Amino acid sequence: MGVHLEPTVAVLRVGEDLHKYGDPYEFSATVIIRGRRAEIIGGAGRFDPKWRHAVSTELRAWGIDEVIFERKKPASRSARLKLPKGKGDQYSLRIMPLAGES
């Protein structure tokens, strides 16, 4: 008999003074993991673009190579972020309208 547990949800916390669990952070979100894709939803706080590299590095370590950021607000957009393997801080970012937007 065997047991396998697959993590499918994580909490993302990011901040300048965050070094370990319990440290202060400036942004948090829920991450839903579906295979090699992660959906980042329910973000709270301010996300500084300079944190993208650190976040993508952590996601790659979890085996994730595609990320979808989605914001559910009027006139907002979702972003799909491909994380190319071994290419450091290079991104292929596409902004797409959410369903129902033109």
PDB file of N, CA and C in Angstrom:
ATOM      1  N   MET A   1       0.847  -1.176   0.000  1.00  0.00           N
ATOM      2  CA  MET A   1       0.000   0.000   0.000  1.00  0.00           C
ATOM      3  C   MET A   1       0.886   1.231   0.000  1.00  0.00           C
ATOM      4  N   GLY A   2       0.436   2.271  -0.699  1.00  0.00           N
ATOM      5  CA  GLY A   2       1.176   3.518  -0.733  1.00  0.00           C
ATOM      6  C   GLY A   2       0.238   4.703  -0.626  1.00  0.00           C
ATOM      7  N   VAL A   3       0.797   5.815  -0.329  1.00  0.00           N
ATOM      8  CA  VAL A   3       0.046   7.065  -0.223  1.00  0.00           C
ATOM      9  C   VAL A   3       0.827   8.149  -0.942  1.00  0.00           C
ATOM     10  N   HIS A   4       0.124   8.946  -1.721  1.00  0.00           N
ATOM     11  CA  HIS A   4       0.753  10.081  -2.392  1.00  0.00           C
ATOM     12  C   HIS A   4      -0.071  11.322  -2.100  1.00  0.00           C
ATOM     13  N   LEU A   5       0.556  12.363  -1.653  1.00  0.00           N
ATOM     14  CA  LEU A   5      -0.098  13.630  -1.386  1.00  0.00           C
ATOM     15  C   LEU A   5       0.471  14.672  -2.330  1.00  0.00           C
ATOM     16  N   GLU A   6      -0.386  15.312  -3.098  1.00  0.00           N
ATOM     17  CA  GLU A   6       0.063  16.306  -4.073  1.00  0.00           C
ATOM     18  C   GLU A   6      -0.405  17.688  -3.632  1.00  0.00           C
ATOM     19  N   PRO A   7       0.528  18.608  -3.369  1.00  0.00           N
ATOM     20  CA  PRO A   7       0.106  19.966  -3.003  1.00  0.00           C
ATOM     21  C   PRO A   7      -0.538  20.664  -4.205  1.00  0.00           C
ATOM     22  N   THR A   8      -1.717  21.243  -4.002  1.00  0.00           N
ATOM     23  CA  THR A   8      -2.419  21.918  -5.095  1.00  0.00           C
ATOM     24  C   THR A   8      -2.742  23.367  -4.780  1.00  0.00           C
ATOM     25  N   VAL A   9      -2.492  23.793  -3.553  1.00  0.00           N
ATOM     26  CA  VAL A   9      -2.751  25.179  -3.170  1.00  0.00           C
ATOM     27  C   VAL A   9      -1.599  25.654  -2.286  1.00  0.00           C
ATOM     28  N   ALA A  10      -1.182  26.901  -2.515  1.00  0.00           N
ATOM     29  CA  ALA A  10      -0.129  27.502  -1.697  1.00  0.00           C
ATOM     30  C   ALA A  10      -0.493  28.958  -1.427  1.00  0.00           C
ATOM     31  N   VAL A  11       0.133  29.524  -0.433  1.00  0.00           N
ATOM     32  CA  VAL A  11      -0.004  30.949  -0.156  1.00  0.00           C
ATOM     33  C   VAL A  11       1.313  31.609  -0.533  1.00  0.00           C
ATOM     34  N   LEU A  12       1.231  32.615  -1.392  1.00  0.00           N
ATOM     35  CA  LEU A  12       2.400  33.377  -1.814  1.00  0.00           C
ATOM     36  C   LEU A  12       2.493  34.627  -0.940  1.00  0.00           C
ATOM     37  N   ARG A  13       3.640  34.832  -0.342  1.00  0.00           N
ATOM     38  CA  ARG A  13       3.911  36.062   0.417  1.00  0.00           C
ATOM     39  C   ARG A  13       5.228  36.622  -0.097  1.00  0.00           C
ATOM     40  N   VAL A  14       5.265  37.939  -0.332  1.00  0.00           N
ATOM     41  CA  VAL A  14       6.452  38.579  -0.883  1.00  0.00           C
ATOM     42  C   VAL A  14       6.678  39.892  -0.149  1.00  0.00           C
ATOM     43  N   GLY A  15       7.925  40.220   0.136  1.00  0.00           N
ATOM     44  CA  GLY A  15       8.236  41.492   0.762  1.00  0.00           C
ATOM     45  C   GLY A  15       9.729  41.705   0.905  1.00  0.00           C
ATOM     46  N   GLU A  16      10.097  42.942   1.027  1.00  0.00           N
ATOM     47  CA  GLU A  16      11.516  43.305   1.143  1.00  0.00           C
ATOM     48  C   GLU A  16      12.166  42.691   2.377  1.00  0.00           C
ATOM     49  N   ASP A  17      11.438  42.616   3.491  1.00  0.00           N
ATOM     50  CA  ASP A  17      12.013  42.118   4.741  1.00  0.00           C
ATOM     51  C   ASP A  17      11.603  40.687   5.059  1.00  0.00           C
ATOM     52  N   LEU A  18      11.097  39.976   4.063  1.00  0.00           N
ATOM     53  CA  LEU A  18      10.660  38.593   4.261  1.00  0.00           C
ATOM     54  C   LEU A  18      11.829  37.649   3.993  1.00  0.00           C
ATOM     55  N   HIS A  19      12.253  36.943   5.029  1.00  0.00           N
ATOM     56  CA  HIS A  19      13.341  35.978   4.894  1.00  0.00           C
ATOM     57  C   HIS A  19      12.926  34.597   5.375  1.00  0.00           C
ATOM     58  N   LYS A  20      11.930  34.543   6.252  1.00  0.00           N
ATOM     59  CA  LYS A  20      11.426  33.278   6.765  1.00  0.00           C
ATOM     60  C   LYS A  20       9.971  33.465   7.168  1.00  0.00           C
ATOM     61  N   TYR A  21       9.278  32.342   7.355  1.00  0.00           N
ATOM     62  CA  TYR A  21       7.878  32.385   7.756  1.00  0.00           C
ATOM     63  C   TYR A  21       7.724  33.224   9.030  1.00  0.00           C
ATOM     64  N   GLY A  22       6.765  34.112   9.012  1.00  0.00           N
ATOM     65  CA  GLY A  22       6.521  34.971  10.161  1.00  0.00           C
ATOM     66  C   GLY A  22       7.056  36.382   9.986  1.00  0.00           C
ATOM     67  N   ASP A  23       7.961  36.585   9.019  1.00  0.00           N
ATOM     68  CA  ASP A  23       8.490  37.921   8.756  1.00  0.00           C
ATOM     69  C   ASP A  23       7.417  38.772   8.073  1.00  0.00           C
ATOM     70  N   PRO A  24       7.530  40.095   8.164  1.00  0.00           N
ATOM     71  CA  PRO A  24       6.547  40.965   7.510  1.00  0.00           C
ATOM     72  C   PRO A  24       6.616  40.836   5.981  1.00  0.00           C
ATOM     73  N   TYR A  25       5.482  41.020   5.340  1.00  0.00           N
ATOM     74  CA  TYR A  25       5.418  40.956   3.880  1.00  0.00           C
ATOM     75  C   TYR A  25       4.510  42.061   3.364  1.00  0.00           C
ATOM     76  N   GLU A  26       4.634  42.359   2.077  1.00  0.00           N
ATOM     77  CA  GLU A  26       3.891  43.467   1.476  1.00  0.00           C
ATOM     78  C   GLU A  26       2.835  43.016   0.485  1.00  0.00           C
ATOM     79  N   PHE A  27       2.903  41.765   0.053  1.00  0.00           N
ATOM     80  CA  PHE A  27       1.938  41.236  -0.907  1.00  0.00           C
ATOM     81  C   PHE A  27       1.684  39.774  -0.583  1.00  0.00           C
ATOM     82  N   SER A  28       0.435  39.357  -0.698  1.00  0.00           N
ATOM     83  CA  SER A  28       0.110  37.939  -0.542  1.00  0.00           C
ATOM     84  C   SER A  28      -0.970  37.571  -1.551  1.00  0.00           C
ATOM     85  N   ALA A  29      -1.017  36.293  -1.897  1.00  0.00           N
ATOM     86  CA  ALA A  29      -2.013  35.800  -2.844  1.00  0.00           C
ATOM     87  C   ALA A  29      -2.154  34.294  -2.664  1.00  0.00           C
ATOM     88  N   THR A  30      -3.241  33.774  -3.188  1.00  0.00           N
ATOM     89  CA  THR A  30      -3.455  32.331  -3.235  1.00  0.00           C
ATOM     90  C   THR A  30      -2.908  31.818  -4.561  1.00  0.00           C
ATOM     91  N   VAL A  31      -2.220  30.687  -4.526  1.00  0.00           N
ATOM     92  CA  VAL A  31      -1.686  30.065  -5.728  1.00  0.00           C
ATOM     93  C   VAL A  31      -2.344  28.695  -5.877  1.00  0.00           C
ATOM     94  N   ILE A  32      -3.050  28.511  -6.985  1.00  0.00           N
ATOM     95  CA  ILE A  32      -3.651  27.220  -7.298  1.00  0.00           C
ATOM     96  C   ILE A  32      -2.731  26.528  -8.291  1.00  0.00           C
ATOM     97  N   ILE A  33      -2.297  25.326  -7.941  1.00  0.00           N
ATOM     98  CA  ILE A  33      -1.331  24.600  -8.758  1.00  0.00           C
ATOM     99  C   ILE A  33      -2.049  23.489  -9.508  1.00  0.00           C
ATOM    100  N   ARG A  34      -1.920  23.522 -10.827  1.00  0.00           N
ATOM    101  CA  ARG A  34      -2.505  22.495 -11.693  1.00  0.00           C
ATOM    102  C   ARG A  34      -1.400  21.961 -12.594  1.00  0.00           C
ATOM    103  N   GLY A  35      -0.758  20.916 -12.149  1.00  0.00           N
ATOM    104  CA  GLY A  35       0.358  20.364 -12.908  1.00  0.00           C
ATOM    105  C   GLY A  35       1.517  21.342 -12.946  1.00  0.00           C
ATOM    106  N   ARG A  36       1.908  21.762 -14.161  1.00  0.00           N
ATOM    107  CA  ARG A  36       3.026  22.696 -14.321  1.00  0.00           C
ATOM    108  C   ARG A  36       2.555  24.135 -14.453  1.00  0.00           C
ATOM    109  N   ARG A  37       1.261  24.368 -14.213  1.00  0.00           N
ATOM    110  CA  ARG A  37       0.680  25.712 -14.308  1.00  0.00           C
ATOM    111  C   ARG A  37       0.235  26.166 -12.916  1.00  0.00           C
ATOM    112  N   ALA A  38       0.437  27.454 -12.644  1.00  0.00           N
ATOM    113  CA  ALA A  38      -0.035  28.039 -11.393  1.00  0.00           C
ATOM    114  C   ALA A  38      -0.931  29.226 -11.711  1.00  0.00           C
ATOM    115  N   GLU A  39      -2.023  29.339 -10.986  1.00  0.00           N
ATOM    116  CA  GLU A  39      -2.900  30.500 -11.098  1.00  0.00           C
ATOM    117  C   GLU A  39      -2.771  31.289  -9.807  1.00  0.00           C
ATOM    118  N   ILE A  40      -2.392  32.555  -9.937  1.00  0.00           N
ATOM    119  CA  ILE A  40      -2.258  33.428  -8.771  1.00  0.00           C
ATOM    120  C   ILE A  40      -3.508  34.280  -8.705  1.00  0.00           C
ATOM    121  N   ILE A  41      -4.265  34.116  -7.620  1.00  0.00           N
ATOM    122  CA  ILE A  41      -5.550  34.817  -7.470  1.00  0.00           C
ATOM    123  C   ILE A  41      -5.629  35.446  -6.084  1.00  0.00           C
ATOM    124  N   GLY A  42      -6.563  36.360  -5.934  1.00  0.00           N
ATOM    125  CA  GLY A  42      -6.844  36.940  -4.618  1.00  0.00           C
ATOM    126  C   GLY A  42      -5.687  37.708  -4.028  1.00  0.00           C
ATOM    127  N   GLY A  43      -4.921  38.399  -4.862  1.00  0.00           N
ATOM    128  CA  GLY A  43      -3.777  39.164  -4.375  1.00  0.00           C
ATOM    129  C   GLY A  43      -4.198  40.313  -3.470  1.00  0.00           C
ATOM    130  N   ALA A  44      -3.412  40.540  -2.429  1.00  0.00           N
ATOM    131  CA  ALA A  44      -3.659  41.648  -1.509  1.00  0.00           C
ATOM    132  C   ALA A  44      -2.344  42.368  -1.251  1.00  0.00           C
ATOM    133  N   GLY A  45      -2.387  43.679  -1.300  1.00  0.00           N
ATOM    134  CA  GLY A  45      -1.184  44.473  -1.102  1.00  0.00           C
ATOM    135  C   GLY A  45      -0.634  44.939  -2.432  1.00  0.00           C
ATOM    136  N   ARG A  46       0.556  45.505  -2.380  1.00  0.00           N
ATOM    137  CA  ARG A  46       1.200  46.044  -3.581  1.00  0.00           C
ATOM    138  C   ARG A  46       2.299  45.095  -4.021  1.00  0.00           C
ATOM    139  N   PHE A  47       2.243  44.680  -5.304  1.00  0.00           N
ATOM    140  CA  PHE A  47       3.285  43.818  -5.866  1.00  0.00           C
ATOM    141  C   PHE A  47       4.268  44.681  -6.639  1.00  0.00           C
ATOM    142  N   ASP A  48       5.495  44.722  -6.185  1.00  0.00           N
ATOM    143  CA  ASP A  48       6.549  45.482  -6.854  1.00  0.00           C
ATOM    144  C   ASP A  48       7.111  44.635  -7.992  1.00  0.00           C
ATOM    145  N   PRO A  49       7.135  45.163  -9.223  1.00  0.00           N
ATOM    146  CA  PRO A  49       7.642  44.376 -10.358  1.00  0.00           C
ATOM    147  C   PRO A  49       9.051  43.820 -10.155  1.00  0.00           C
ATOM    148  N   LYS A  50       9.855  44.433  -9.306  1.00  0.00           N
ATOM    149  CA  LYS A  50      11.215  43.923  -9.104  1.00  0.00           C
ATOM    150  C   LYS A  50      11.216  42.574  -8.374  1.00  0.00           C
ATOM    151  N   TRP A  51      10.071  42.154  -7.838  1.00  0.00           N
ATOM    152  CA  TRP A  51       9.972  40.869  -7.156  1.00  0.00           C
ATOM    153  C   TRP A  51       9.700  39.717  -8.124  1.00  0.00           C
ATOM    154  N   ARG A  52       9.417  40.012  -9.389  1.00  0.00           N
ATOM    155  CA  ARG A  52       9.044  38.960 -10.345  1.00  0.00           C
ATOM    156  C   ARG A  52      10.099  37.874 -10.446  1.00  0.00           C
ATOM    157  N   HIS A  53      11.365  38.261 -10.460  1.00  0.00           N
ATOM    158  CA  HIS A  53      12.431  37.262 -10.595  1.00  0.00           C
ATOM    159  C   HIS A  53      12.425  36.300  -9.409  1.00  0.00           C
ATOM    160  N   ALA A  54      12.334  36.826  -8.205  1.00  0.00           N
ATOM    161  CA  ALA A  54      12.332  35.967  -7.013  1.00  0.00           C
ATOM    162  C   ALA A  54      11.115  35.042  -7.007  1.00  0.00           C
ATOM    163  N   VAL A  55       9.957  35.561  -7.396  1.00  0.00           N
ATOM    164  CA  VAL A  55       8.743  34.736  -7.438  1.00  0.00           C
ATOM    165  C   VAL A  55       8.876  33.663  -8.509  1.00  0.00           C
ATOM    166  N   SER A  56       9.351  34.033  -9.698  1.00  0.00           N
ATOM    167  CA  SER A  56       9.470  33.041 -10.765  1.00  0.00           C
ATOM    168  C   SER A  56      10.506  31.976 -10.418  1.00  0.00           C
ATOM    169  N   THR A  57      11.564  32.350  -9.740  1.00  0.00           N
ATOM    170  CA  THR A  57      12.573  31.379  -9.312  1.00  0.00           C
ATOM    171  C   THR A  57      11.960  30.364  -8.350  1.00  0.00           C
ATOM    172  N   GLU A  58      11.169  30.844  -7.414  1.00  0.00           N
ATOM    173  CA  GLU A  58      10.510  29.951  -6.462  1.00  0.00           C
ATOM    174  C   GLU A  58       9.506  29.040  -7.168  1.00  0.00           C
ATOM    175  N   LEU A  59       8.743  29.597  -8.103  1.00  0.00           N
ATOM    176  CA  LEU A  59       7.768  28.785  -8.838  1.00  0.00           C
ATOM    177  C   LEU A  59       8.466  27.720  -9.683  1.00  0.00           C
ATOM    178  N   ARG A  60       9.577  28.080 -10.315  1.00  0.00           N
ATOM    179  CA  ARG A  60      10.334  27.090 -11.091  1.00  0.00           C
ATOM    180  C   ARG A  60      10.810  25.951 -10.200  1.00  0.00           C
ATOM    181  N   ALA A  61      11.225  26.298  -8.973  1.00  0.00           N
ATOM    182  CA  ALA A  61      11.684  25.271  -8.032  1.00  0.00           C
ATOM    183  C   ALA A  61      10.555  24.289  -7.698  1.00  0.00           C
ATOM    184  N   TRP A  62       9.318  24.729  -7.813  1.00  0.00           N
ATOM    185  CA  TRP A  62       8.154  23.863  -7.586  1.00  0.00           C
ATOM    186  C   TRP A  62       7.772  23.116  -8.859  1.00  0.00           C
ATOM    187  N   GLY A  63       8.518  23.309  -9.952  1.00  0.00           N
ATOM    188  CA  GLY A  63       8.226  22.628 -11.208  1.00  0.00           C
ATOM    189  C   GLY A  63       7.211  23.336 -12.077  1.00  0.00           C
ATOM    190  N   ILE A  64       6.948  24.596 -11.809  1.00  0.00           N
ATOM    191  CA  ILE A  64       5.946  25.363 -12.544  1.00  0.00           C
ATOM    192  C   ILE A  64       6.622  26.120 -13.677  1.00  0.00           C
ATOM    193  N   ASP A  65       6.025  26.059 -14.874  1.00  0.00           N
ATOM    194  CA  ASP A  65       6.596  26.789 -16.001  1.00  0.00           C
ATOM    195  C   ASP A  65       5.612  27.742 -16.662  1.00  0.00           C
ATOM    196  N   GLU A  66       4.394  27.829 -16.152  1.00  0.00           N
ATOM    197  CA  GLU A  66       3.438  28.809 -16.664  1.00  0.00           C
ATOM    198  C   GLU A  66       2.623  29.358 -15.492  1.00  0.00           C
ATOM    199  N   VAL A  67       2.464  30.674 -15.482  1.00  0.00           N
ATOM    200  CA  VAL A  67       1.726  31.331 -14.404  1.00  0.00           C
ATOM    201  C   VAL A  67       0.654  32.210 -15.011  1.00  0.00           C
ATOM    202  N   ILE A  68      -0.518  32.180 -14.404  1.00  0.00           N
ATOM    203  CA  ILE A  68      -1.602  33.070 -14.815  1.00  0.00           C
ATOM    204  C   ILE A  68      -1.945  33.946 -13.618  1.00  0.00           C
ATOM    205  N   PHE A  69      -1.818  35.257 -13.799  1.00  0.00           N
ATOM    206  CA  PHE A  69      -2.265  36.221 -12.798  1.00  0.00           C
ATOM    207  C   PHE A  69      -3.631  36.707 -13.265  1.00  0.00           C
ATOM    208  N   GLU A  70      -4.592  36.683 -12.381  1.00  0.00           N
ATOM    209  CA  GLU A  70      -5.910  37.148 -12.787  1.00  0.00           C
ATOM    210  C   GLU A  70      -6.453  38.082 -11.724  1.00  0.00           C
ATOM    211  N   ARG A  71      -7.001  39.192 -12.196  1.00  0.00           N
ATOM    212  CA  ARG A  71      -7.589  40.173 -11.285  1.00  0.00           C
ATOM    213  C   ARG A  71      -9.040  40.364 -11.683  1.00  0.00           C
ATOM    214  N   LYS A  72      -9.948  40.123 -10.760  1.00  0.00           N
ATOM    215  CA  LYS A  72     -11.382  40.191 -11.039  1.00  0.00           C
ATOM    216  C   LYS A  72     -11.917  41.552 -10.608  1.00  0.00           C
ATOM    217  N   LYS A  73     -11.665  42.533 -11.432  1.00  0.00           N
ATOM    218  CA  LYS A  73     -12.184  43.882 -11.207  1.00  0.00           C
ATOM    219  C   LYS A  73     -12.655  44.422 -12.541  1.00  0.00           C
ATOM    220  N   PRO A  74     -13.593  45.345 -12.546  1.00  0.00           N
ATOM    221  CA  PRO A  74     -14.023  45.922 -13.827  1.00  0.00           C
ATOM    222  C   PRO A  74     -12.833  46.507 -14.586  1.00  0.00           C
ATOM    223  N   ALA A  75     -12.809  46.253 -15.884  1.00  0.00           N
ATOM    224  CA  ALA A  75     -11.778  46.787 -16.784  1.00  0.00           C
ATOM    225  C   ALA A  75     -10.375  46.326 -16.422  1.00  0.00           C
ATOM    226  N   SER A  76     -10.250  45.192 -15.729  1.00  0.00           N
ATOM    227  CA  SER A  76      -8.913  44.670 -15.442  1.00  0.00           C
ATOM    228  C   SER A  76      -8.612  43.520 -16.398  1.00  0.00           C
ATOM    229  N   ARG A  77      -7.409  43.002 -16.312  1.00  0.00           N
ATOM    230  CA  ARG A  77      -6.971  41.996 -17.269  1.00  0.00           C
ATOM    231  C   ARG A  77      -6.313  40.831 -16.558  1.00  0.00           C
ATOM    232  N   SER A  78      -6.177  39.744 -17.273  1.00  0.00           N
ATOM    233  CA  SER A  78      -5.382  38.641 -16.758  1.00  0.00           C
ATOM    234  C   SER A  78      -4.057  38.650 -17.508  1.00  0.00           C
ATOM    235  N   ALA A  79      -3.044  38.132 -16.882  1.00  0.00           N
ATOM    236  CA  ALA A  79      -1.731  38.063 -17.509  1.00  0.00           C
ATOM    237  C   ALA A  79      -1.246  36.633 -17.470  1.00  0.00           C
ATOM    238  N   ARG A  80      -0.722  36.163 -18.578  1.00  0.00           N
ATOM    239  CA  ARG A  80      -0.146  34.821 -18.649  1.00  0.00           C
ATOM    240  C   ARG A  80       1.358  34.998 -18.756  1.00  0.00           C
ATOM    241  N   LEU A  81       2.086  34.350 -17.886  1.00  0.00           N
ATOM    242  CA  LEU A  81       3.532  34.521 -17.799  1.00  0.00           C
ATOM    243  C   LEU A  81       4.195  33.170 -17.996  1.00  0.00           C
ATOM    244  N   LYS A  82       4.931  33.016 -19.081  1.00  0.00           N
ATOM    245  CA  LYS A  82       5.694  31.791 -19.317  1.00  0.00           C
ATOM    246  C   LYS A  82       7.025  31.914 -18.592  1.00  0.00           C
ATOM    247  N   LEU A  83       7.452  30.864 -17.952  1.00  0.00           N
ATOM    248  CA  LEU A  83       8.725  30.851 -17.245  1.00  0.00           C
ATOM    249  C   LEU A  83       9.687  29.930 -17.987  1.00  0.00           C
ATOM    250  N   PRO A  84      10.461  30.479 -18.940  1.00  0.00           N
ATOM    251  CA  PRO A  84      11.383  29.627 -19.698  1.00  0.00           C
ATOM    252  C   PRO A  84      12.450  29.035 -18.786  1.00  0.00           C
ATOM    253  N   LYS A  85      12.750  27.770 -19.003  1.00  0.00           N
ATOM    254  CA  LYS A  85      13.747  27.099 -18.164  1.00  0.00           C
ATOM    255  C   LYS A  85      15.135  27.647 -18.432  1.00  0.00           C
ATOM    256  N   GLY A  86      15.859  27.948 -17.356  1.00  0.00           N
ATOM    257  CA  GLY A  86      17.254  28.328 -17.457  1.00  0.00           C
ATOM    258  C   GLY A  86      17.534  29.661 -18.118  1.00  0.00           C
ATOM    259  N   LYS A  87      16.563  30.547 -18.185  1.00  0.00           N
ATOM    260  CA  LYS A  87      16.800  31.821 -18.851  1.00  0.00           C
ATOM    261  C   LYS A  87      16.735  32.997 -17.891  1.00  0.00           C
ATOM    262  N   GLY A  88      16.934  32.729 -16.616  1.00  0.00           N
ATOM    263  CA  GLY A  88      17.007  33.812 -15.645  1.00  0.00           C
ATOM    264  C   GLY A  88      15.763  34.661 -15.588  1.00  0.00           C
ATOM    265  N   ASP A  89      15.923  35.951 -15.762  1.00  0.00           N
ATOM    266  CA  ASP A  89      14.846  36.909 -15.566  1.00  0.00           C
ATOM    267  C   ASP A  89      14.212  37.336 -16.890  1.00  0.00           C
ATOM    268  N   GLN A  90      14.199  36.481 -17.906  1.00  0.00           N
ATOM    269  CA  GLN A  90      13.571  36.823 -19.178  1.00  0.00           C
ATOM    270  C   GLN A  90      12.153  36.277 -19.172  1.00  0.00           C
ATOM    271  N   TYR A  91      11.209  37.110 -19.552  1.00  0.00           N
ATOM    272  CA  TYR A  91       9.814  36.727 -19.504  1.00  0.00           C
ATOM    273  C   TYR A  91       9.164  36.874 -20.863  1.00  0.00           C
ATOM    274  N   SER A  92       8.175  36.057 -21.108  1.00  0.00           N
ATOM    275  CA  SER A  92       7.299  36.226 -22.251  1.00  0.00           C
ATOM    276  C   SER A  92       5.926  36.534 -21.664  1.00  0.00           C
ATOM    277  N   LEU A  93       5.543  37.777 -21.640  1.00  0.00           N
ATOM    278  CA  LEU A  93       4.332  38.203 -20.947  1.00  0.00           C
ATOM    279  C   LEU A  93       3.302  38.673 -21.950  1.00  0.00           C
ATOM    280  N   ARG A  94       2.115  38.106 -21.864  1.00  0.00           N
ATOM    281  CA  ARG A  94       1.004  38.516 -22.731  1.00  0.00           C
ATOM    282  C   ARG A  94      -0.129  38.977 -21.836  1.00  0.00           C
ATOM    283  N   ILE A  95      -0.680  40.141 -22.110  1.00  0.00           N
ATOM    284  CA  ILE A  95      -1.852  40.634 -21.398  1.00  0.00           C
ATOM    285  C   ILE A  95      -3.053  40.365 -22.274  1.00  0.00           C
ATOM    286  N   MET A  96      -4.057  39.711 -21.699  1.00  0.00           N
ATOM    287  CA  MET A  96      -5.241  39.350 -22.464  1.00  0.00           C
ATOM    288  C   MET A  96      -6.483  39.846 -21.748  1.00  0.00           C
ATOM    289  N   PRO A  97      -7.479  40.340 -22.471  1.00  0.00           N
ATOM    290  CA  PRO A  97      -8.724  40.744 -21.802  1.00  0.00           C
ATOM    291  C   PRO A  97      -9.403  39.548 -21.163  1.00  0.00           C
ATOM    292  N   LEU A  98     -10.068  39.776 -20.057  1.00  0.00           N
ATOM    293  CA  LEU A  98     -10.875  38.734 -19.442  1.00  0.00           C
ATOM    294  C   LEU A  98     -12.118  38.492 -20.292  1.00  0.00           C
ATOM    295  N   ALA A  99     -12.759  37.387 -20.078  1.00  0.00           N
ATOM    296  CA  ALA A  99     -13.970  37.055 -20.830  1.00  0.00           C
ATOM    297  C   ALA A  99     -14.984  38.190 -20.673  1.00  0.00           C
ATOM    298  N   GLY A 100     -15.614  38.568 -21.776  1.00  0.00           N
ATOM    299  CA  GLY A 100     -16.628  39.611 -21.728  1.00  0.00           C
ATOM    300  C   GLY A 100     -16.097  41.003 -22.006  1.00  0.00           C
ATOM    301  N   GLU A 101     -14.769  41.167 -22.015  1.00  0.00           N
ATOM    302  CA  GLU A 101     -14.185  42.479 -22.333  1.00  0.00           C
ATOM    303  C   GLU A 101     -13.880  42.535 -23.814  1.00  0.00           C
ATOM    304  N   SER A 102     -13.834  43.727 -24.364  1.00  0.00           N
ATOM    305  CA  SER A 102     -13.475  43.847 -25.779  1.00  0.00           C
ATOM    306  C   SER A 102     -12.131  44.515 -25.912  1.00  0.00           C
TER     307      SER A 102
END
